Amino acid sequence: MNDLYQILGVKPAAPRKDIHKAYRRKAKSAHPDTGGSVEAFNELVVAYAVLSDPKRRRRYDETGEIDPPRPDNFDGGAIEIIAEKLGLVIHAEHDLSSMDVGALIEQAIRDDIADRKGSVVHQKRAAERLGRLRGRARRKANGEDNLVARVLDWHGLAIQNRIKKHEESVLFLERALEILQDYSFTDDLAVAQADEVTGALNDILVALDELAAILNTSPARADAMPRGAAPTAFG
């Protein structure tokens, strides 16, 4: 396979957003349905998959190797997390028009990551305490069956299972954050309308300034100024 950066047409130092733009631009012509070839499109998909993933991109930059993609169930677990957070937002009965939904979901996921990592630290400390206690557990009477030691071993296994579960959950949560970087919940129409209003207001202010320059006065702007404010250049 050719150099991944050349396939996308970006420089090695290109930020992630440029990689995303380059992929979307090239995918339109490289797709077999629009005249491209299957081979070229597959190369493009692989290049984007590696270079848009910080860990896989770092490995590629350092070794030139393209590590195999994650199994499908990995992204599936991340999508389930996003679906859960979206469900909480949908059923919260809040006015979503004034909320940054993407930021809310990302913060909720980061809070989950922090909680999981905190639990791992707690469980590892518990495992250390259990190990010391296990070494002290002795049966006073003769006999090989140490019931207390067996109970402690059961606790040790449970602790290791919880640690593994939390560490796997962190990987899913971190992948969910990566996926969310490609999406936004911005109301494009509202943004466009706001830009139009801002542009119209600027045009009005320019027209008032031009009129004030001709008349050497600006009653409209003077009336709009707060009481006690300094005069403008036009009086």
Protein backbone atom coordinates (compact mmCIF):
# COMPACT_ATOMS: atom_id res chain seq x y z
CA MET A 1 0.00 0.00 0.00
CA ASN A 2 1.18 3.54 -0.77
CA ASP A 3 1.99 6.11 1.89
CA LEU A 4 -1.22 6.83 3.81
CA TYR A 5 -0.63 10.58 3.81
CA GLN A 6 -0.18 10.57 0.03
CA ILE A 7 -3.38 8.56 -0.39
CA LEU A 8 -5.34 11.25 1.47
CA GLY A 9 -3.30 14.09 -0.03
CA VAL A 10 -2.31 15.63 3.30
CA LYS A 11 0.98 16.46 4.99
CA PRO A 12 2.33 14.24 7.82
CA ALA A 13 1.72 17.08 10.27
CA ALA A 14 -1.88 17.60 9.17
CA PRO A 15 -4.36 17.99 12.07
CA ARG A 16 -7.21 15.53 12.43
CA LYS A 17 -9.80 17.94 11.02
CA ASP A 18 -7.81 18.25 7.76
CA ILE A 19 -7.59 14.47 7.51
CA HIS A 20 -11.35 14.26 7.92
CA LYS A 21 -11.95 16.91 5.25
CA ALA A 22 -9.53 15.25 2.84
CA TYR A 23 -11.25 11.89 3.27
CA ARG A 24 -14.73 13.30 2.65
CA ARG A 25 -13.49 15.19 -0.41
CA LYS A 26 -11.73 12.19 -1.97
CA ALA A 27 -14.39 9.64 -1.00
CA LYS A 28 -16.85 11.26 -3.40
CA SER A 29 -14.73 10.50 -6.46
CA ALA A 30 -13.02 7.33 -5.20
CA HIS A 31 -16.25 5.45 -4.44
CA PRO A 32 -17.04 2.72 -7.02
CA ASP A 33 -20.57 4.07 -7.44
CA THR A 34 -19.18 7.40 -8.70
CA GLY A 35 -16.56 6.05 -11.09
CA GLY A 36 -13.81 5.06 -8.68
CA SER A 37 -12.31 1.62 -8.14
CA VAL A 38 -12.83 -0.76 -5.26
CA GLU A 39 -9.08 -0.94 -4.63
CA ALA A 40 -8.61 2.83 -4.51
CA PHE A 41 -11.60 3.30 -2.25
CA ASN A 42 -10.43 0.57 0.13
CA GLU A 43 -7.00 2.22 0.33
CA LEU A 44 -8.69 5.52 1.13
CA VAL A 45 -10.79 3.93 3.88
CA VAL A 46 -7.74 2.27 5.46
CA ALA A 47 -5.75 5.50 5.30
CA TYR A 48 -8.51 7.44 7.01
CA ALA A 49 -9.11 4.71 9.63
CA VAL A 50 -5.44 4.73 10.64
CA LEU A 51 -4.68 8.45 10.46
CA SER A 52 -7.88 9.53 12.24
CA ASP A 53 -7.08 7.28 15.20
CA PRO A 54 -4.37 8.92 17.38
CA LYS A 55 -2.93 5.61 18.63
CA ARG A 56 -2.90 3.90 15.24
CA ARG A 57 -1.49 7.03 13.60
CA ARG A 58 1.33 7.22 16.16
CA ARG A 59 2.18 3.58 15.53
CA TYR A 60 2.17 4.15 11.76
CA ASP A 61 4.38 7.26 12.06
CA GLU A 62 6.88 5.42 14.26
CA THR A 63 7.01 2.04 12.52
CA GLY A 64 5.27 2.38 9.18
CA GLU A 65 3.07 -0.54 10.18
CA ILE A 66 -0.69 -0.57 9.84
CA ASP A 67 -2.03 -2.46 12.81
CA PRO A 68 -5.18 -4.50 12.22
CA PRO A 69 -8.49 -2.70 12.87
CA ARG A 70 -10.38 -3.24 16.08
CA PRO A 71 -13.04 -5.93 16.07
CA ASP A 72 -16.53 -4.76 15.17
CA ASN A 73 -17.82 -5.35 18.70
CA PHE A 74 -15.37 -2.71 19.99
CA ASP A 75 -17.06 0.12 18.12
CA GLY A 76 -20.38 -1.55 18.89
CA GLY A 77 -19.73 -1.14 22.60
CA ALA A 78 -18.78 2.50 22.09
CA ILE A 79 -21.95 3.15 20.10
CA GLU A 80 -24.02 1.59 22.87
CA ILE A 81 -22.51 4.09 25.32
CA ILE A 82 -23.36 7.01 23.02
CA ALA A 83 -26.89 5.64 22.59
CA GLU A 84 -27.31 5.43 26.35
CA LYS A 85 -26.18 9.04 26.88
CA LEU A 86 -28.39 10.29 24.06
CA GLY A 87 -31.33 8.44 25.59
CA LEU A 88 -30.78 10.23 28.89
CA VAL A 89 -30.77 13.58 27.10
CA ILE A 90 -33.87 12.77 25.04
CA HIS A 91 -35.94 11.70 28.04
CA ALA A 92 -34.80 14.50 30.35
CA GLU A 93 -37.58 16.80 29.03
CA HIS A 94 -35.28 19.80 28.70
CA ASP A 95 -35.28 22.39 25.92
CA LEU A 96 -32.46 21.05 23.74
CA SER A 97 -32.36 24.16 21.55
CA SER A 98 -30.41 26.06 24.20
CA MET A 99 -28.15 23.15 25.19
CA ASP A 100 -24.79 22.04 23.81
CA VAL A 101 -25.81 18.39 23.55
CA GLY A 102 -22.44 17.23 22.29
CA ALA A 103 -20.59 18.87 25.18
CA LEU A 104 -23.04 17.40 27.69
CA ILE A 105 -22.59 13.86 26.36
CA GLU A 106 -18.80 14.19 26.21
CA GLN A 107 -18.66 15.48 29.77
CA ALA A 108 -20.86 12.62 30.96
CA ILE A 109 -18.53 10.13 29.30
CA ARG A 110 -15.45 11.81 30.80
CA ASP A 111 -17.10 11.63 34.23
CA ASP A 112 -17.69 7.91 33.67
CA ILE A 113 -14.04 7.43 32.68
CA ALA A 114 -12.88 9.22 35.83
CA ASP A 115 -15.20 7.08 37.98
CA ARG A 116 -14.02 3.85 36.34
CA LYS A 117 -10.36 4.76 36.72
CA GLY A 118 -10.97 5.72 40.34
CA SER A 119 -12.60 2.33 40.92
CA VAL A 120 -9.61 0.55 39.38
CA VAL A 121 -7.26 2.36 41.76
CA HIS A 122 -9.51 1.45 44.70
CA GLN A 123 -9.73 -2.21 43.64
CA LYS A 124 -5.96 -2.47 43.20
CA ARG A 125 -5.41 -1.12 46.71
CA ALA A 126 -7.93 -3.66 48.00
CA ALA A 127 -6.05 -6.42 46.15
CA GLU A 128 -2.82 -5.38 47.88
CA ARG A 129 -4.49 -5.48 51.28
CA LEU A 130 -6.06 -8.84 50.50
CA GLY A 131 -2.69 -10.26 49.45
CA ARG A 132 -1.11 -9.27 52.73
CA LEU A 133 -4.05 -10.71 54.68
CA ARG A 134 -3.97 -13.91 52.62
CA GLY A 135 -0.37 -14.44 53.61
CA ARG A 136 -1.30 -14.23 57.28
CA ALA A 137 -4.28 -16.59 57.16
CA ARG A 138 -3.38 -19.79 59.04
CA ARG A 139 -5.46 -22.64 60.36
CA LYS A 140 -4.69 -23.31 64.00
CA ALA A 141 -5.65 -26.98 63.97
CA ASN A 142 -3.99 -29.58 61.80
CA GLY A 143 -5.51 -30.03 58.37
CA GLU A 144 -4.95 -28.99 54.79
CA ASP A 145 -8.35 -27.38 54.11
CA ASN A 146 -8.08 -23.65 54.86
CA LEU A 147 -11.62 -22.34 54.46
CA VAL A 148 -10.67 -18.75 55.29
CA ALA A 149 -7.95 -18.78 52.64
CA ARG A 150 -10.48 -20.08 50.11
CA VAL A 151 -12.82 -17.20 50.95
CA LEU A 152 -9.97 -14.73 50.53
CA ASP A 153 -9.08 -16.30 47.19
CA TRP A 154 -12.69 -15.85 46.10
CA HIS A 155 -12.48 -12.16 47.02
CA GLY A 156 -9.23 -11.88 45.08
CA LEU A 157 -10.82 -13.34 41.96
CA ALA A 158 -13.81 -11.00 42.31
CA ILE A 159 -11.49 -8.00 42.63
CA GLN A 160 -9.53 -8.97 39.50
CA ASN A 161 -12.77 -9.40 37.57
CA ARG A 162 -13.94 -5.93 38.61
CA ILE A 163 -10.61 -4.41 37.62
CA LYS A 164 -10.78 -6.07 34.20
CA LYS A 165 -14.38 -4.94 33.72
CA HIS A 166 -13.61 -1.31 34.59
CA GLU A 167 -10.49 -1.22 32.38
CA GLU A 168 -12.45 -2.61 29.43
CA SER A 169 -15.21 -0.07 30.05
CA VAL A 170 -12.65 2.75 29.96
CA LEU A 171 -11.52 1.58 26.51
CA PHE A 172 -15.12 1.64 25.24
CA LEU A 173 -15.72 5.07 26.78
CA GLU A 174 -12.55 6.51 25.26
CA ARG A 175 -13.54 5.12 21.86
CA ALA A 176 -16.98 6.72 22.26
CA LEU A 177 -15.26 10.09 22.74
CA GLU A 178 -13.23 9.52 19.57
CA ILE A 179 -16.38 8.74 17.59
CA LEU A 180 -18.14 11.85 18.89
CA GLN A 181 -15.32 14.04 17.51
CA ASP A 182 -16.75 13.43 14.03
CA TYR A 183 -20.22 14.70 14.95
CA SER A 184 -21.89 17.85 16.17
CA PHE A 185 -25.40 18.85 17.25
CA THR A 186 -25.21 22.40 15.90
CA ASP A 187 -28.31 23.90 14.36
CA ASP A 188 -26.83 24.99 11.04
CA LEU A 189 -29.97 26.95 10.11
CA ALA A 190 -29.88 28.91 13.35
CA VAL A 191 -26.18 29.65 12.87
CA ALA A 192 -26.80 30.82 9.33
CA GLN A 193 -29.66 33.05 10.45
CA ALA A 194 -27.52 34.51 13.23
CA ASP A 195 -24.76 35.25 10.72
CA GLU A 196 -27.27 36.98 8.44
CA VAL A 197 -28.56 39.13 11.31
CA THR A 198 -25.01 40.05 12.33
CA GLY A 199 -24.17 40.99 8.76
CA ALA A 200 -27.29 43.13 8.46
CA LEU A 201 -26.50 44.96 11.71
CA ASN A 202 -22.97 45.65 10.54
CA ASP A 203 -24.31 47.07 7.28
CA ILE A 204 -26.66 49.35 9.23
CA LEU A 205 -23.82 50.60 11.47
CA VAL A 206 -21.64 51.29 8.43
CA ALA A 207 -24.48 53.25 6.80
CA LEU A 208 -25.00 55.28 10.00
CA ASP A 209 -21.29 56.07 10.19
CA GLU A 210 -21.28 57.23 6.58
CA LEU A 211 -24.36 59.40 7.19
CA ALA A 212 -22.82 60.82 10.36
CA ALA A 213 -19.66 61.70 8.49
CA ILE A 214 -21.75 63.68 6.01
CA LEU A 215 -23.88 65.48 8.60
CA ASN A 216 -21.08 65.64 11.21
CA THR A 217 -23.54 64.39 13.80
CA SER A 218 -25.03 61.08 14.84
CA PRO A 219 -28.28 61.54 16.80
CA ALA A 220 -29.28 57.93 16.36
CA ARG A 221 -26.09 56.63 17.92
CA ALA A 222 -26.08 59.33 20.59
CA ASP A 223 -29.56 58.30 21.71
CA ALA A 224 -28.46 54.68 21.81
CA MET A 225 -25.46 55.37 24.07
CA PRO A 226 -25.83 54.77 27.81
CA ARG A 227 -26.10 57.87 29.98
CA GLY A 228 -22.69 59.19 30.91
CA ALA A 229 -20.89 57.44 28.09
CA ALA A 230 -18.13 59.26 26.22
CA PRO A 231 -19.05 60.86 22.91
CA THR A 232 -18.16 59.19 19.66
CA ALA A 233 -15.86 60.56 16.98
CA PHE A 234 -18.90 62.20 15.41
CA GLY A 235 -20.05 64.08 18.51
